[in-house]
C-alpha atoms as a PDB file:
ATOM      1  CA  MET A   1      87.166  95.328 -11.543  1.00  0.00           C
ATOM      2  CA  ASN A   2      84.503  97.624  -9.791  1.00  0.00           C
ATOM      3  CA  ASP A   3      84.930 100.435  -7.182  1.00  0.00           C
ATOM      4  CA  ASP A   4      82.004  98.682  -5.245  1.00  0.00           C
ATOM      5  CA  THR A   5      83.429  96.155  -4.735  1.00  0.00           C
ATOM      6  CA  PRO A   6      82.654  95.877  -0.636  1.00  0.00           C
ATOM      7  CA  ASN A   7      85.542  93.146   0.200  1.00  0.00           C
ATOM      8  CA  GLN A   8      88.215  95.947  -1.047  1.00  0.00           C
ATOM      9  CA  PRO A   9      89.337  97.823   2.270  1.00  0.00           C
ATOM     10  CA  ARG A  10      88.256 101.574   2.472  1.00  0.00           C
ATOM     11  CA  GLY A  11      91.855 102.598   2.275  1.00  0.00           C
ATOM     12  CA  GLU A  12      92.461 100.594  -1.197  1.00  0.00           C
ATOM     13  CA  GLN A  13      89.103 102.394  -2.502  1.00  0.00           C
ATOM     14  CA  ILE A  14      90.854 105.803  -1.152  1.00  0.00           C
ATOM     15  CA  GLN A  15      93.747 105.359  -2.991  1.00  0.00           C
ATOM     16  CA  GLN A  16      92.260 103.848  -6.418  1.00  0.00           C
ATOM     17  CA  ALA A  17      89.714 106.993  -6.238  1.00  0.00           C
ATOM     18  CA  GLU A  18      93.000 109.553  -5.802  1.00  0.00           C
ATOM     19  CA  ARG A  19      94.610 107.537  -8.568  1.00  0.00           C
ATOM     20  CA  GLU A  20      91.852 107.510 -10.960  1.00  0.00           C
ATOM     21  CA  ALA A  21      91.138 111.458  -9.991  1.00  0.00           C
ATOM     22  CA  ALA A  22      95.252 111.630 -10.848  1.00  0.00           C
ATOM     23  CA  ARG A  23      95.001 110.348 -13.874  1.00  0.00           C
ATOM     24  CA  GLN A  24      92.039 112.345 -15.134  1.00  0.00           C
ATOM     25  CA  ARG A  25      93.645 115.992 -14.582  1.00  0.00           C
ATOM     26  CA  ILE A  26      96.976 114.337 -16.255  1.00  0.00           C
ATOM     27  CA  LEU A  27      94.564 113.724 -19.166  1.00  0.00           C
ATOM     28  CA  ALA A  28      92.560 117.057 -18.911  1.00  0.00           C
ATOM     29  CA  GLN A  29      96.405 118.419 -18.694  1.00  0.00           C
ATOM     30  CA  ALA A  30      97.511 116.793 -21.752  1.00  0.00           C
ATOM     31  CA  GLU A  31      94.349 117.968 -23.527  1.00  0.00           C
ATOM     32  CA  ALA A  32      94.672 121.496 -23.098  1.00  0.00           C
ATOM     33  CA  ASP A  33      98.618 121.343 -24.195  1.00  0.00           C
ATOM     34  CA  ARG A  34      97.558 118.956 -27.265  1.00  0.00           C
ATOM     35  CA  VAL A  35      98.742 120.666 -30.271  1.00  0.00           C
ATOM     36  CA  PRO A  36      95.976 119.873 -33.351  1.00  0.00           C
ATOM     37  CA  ALA A  37      98.003 118.289 -36.661  1.00  0.00           C
ATOM     38  CA  GLU A  38      97.051 120.684 -38.300  1.00  0.00           C
ATOM     39  CA  GLU A  39      99.265 123.452 -36.867  1.00  0.00           C
ATOM     40  CA  THR A  40     102.172 120.937 -36.348  1.00  0.00           C
ATOM     41  CA  THR A  41     101.911 119.943 -40.199  1.00  0.00           C
ATOM     42  CA  ARG A  42     101.446 123.480 -42.012  1.00  0.00           C
ATOM     43  CA  ALA A  43     104.489 125.026 -43.189  1.00  0.00           C
ATOM     44  CA  VAL A  44     105.102 128.279 -42.219  1.00  0.00           C
ATOM     45  CA  PRO A  45     107.965 130.342 -43.192  1.00  0.00           C
ATOM     46  CA  ASP A  46     111.608 131.143 -41.072  1.00  0.00           C
ATOM     47  CA  ARG A  47     113.275 134.067 -41.984  1.00  0.00           C
ATOM     48  CA  ARG A  48     115.501 133.968 -38.823  1.00  0.00           C
ATOM     49  CA  TRP A  49     118.928 133.272 -41.020  1.00  0.00           C
ATOM     50  CA  ARG A  50     118.285 136.332 -42.868  1.00  0.00           C
ATOM     51  CA  ARG A  51     118.320 138.526 -40.039  1.00  0.00           C
ATOM     52  CA  GLY A  52     122.074 138.127 -39.881  1.00  0.00           C
ATOM     53  CA  ARG A  53     123.141 139.165 -43.650  1.00  0.00           C
ATOM     54  CA  GLN A  54     120.715 142.111 -44.585  1.00  0.00           C
END
């Protein structure tokens, strides 16, 4: 599968390029939203349950 295939119709080449661009945008957004594993495994005390009992 090569993007430079001469016998591939121009419309299909454009669609393939648009799909790849969309894929790259999705991957970039996912990377921006990613939470590092170190942050998900760190214990954080949750004292909210004590607020009503004080």
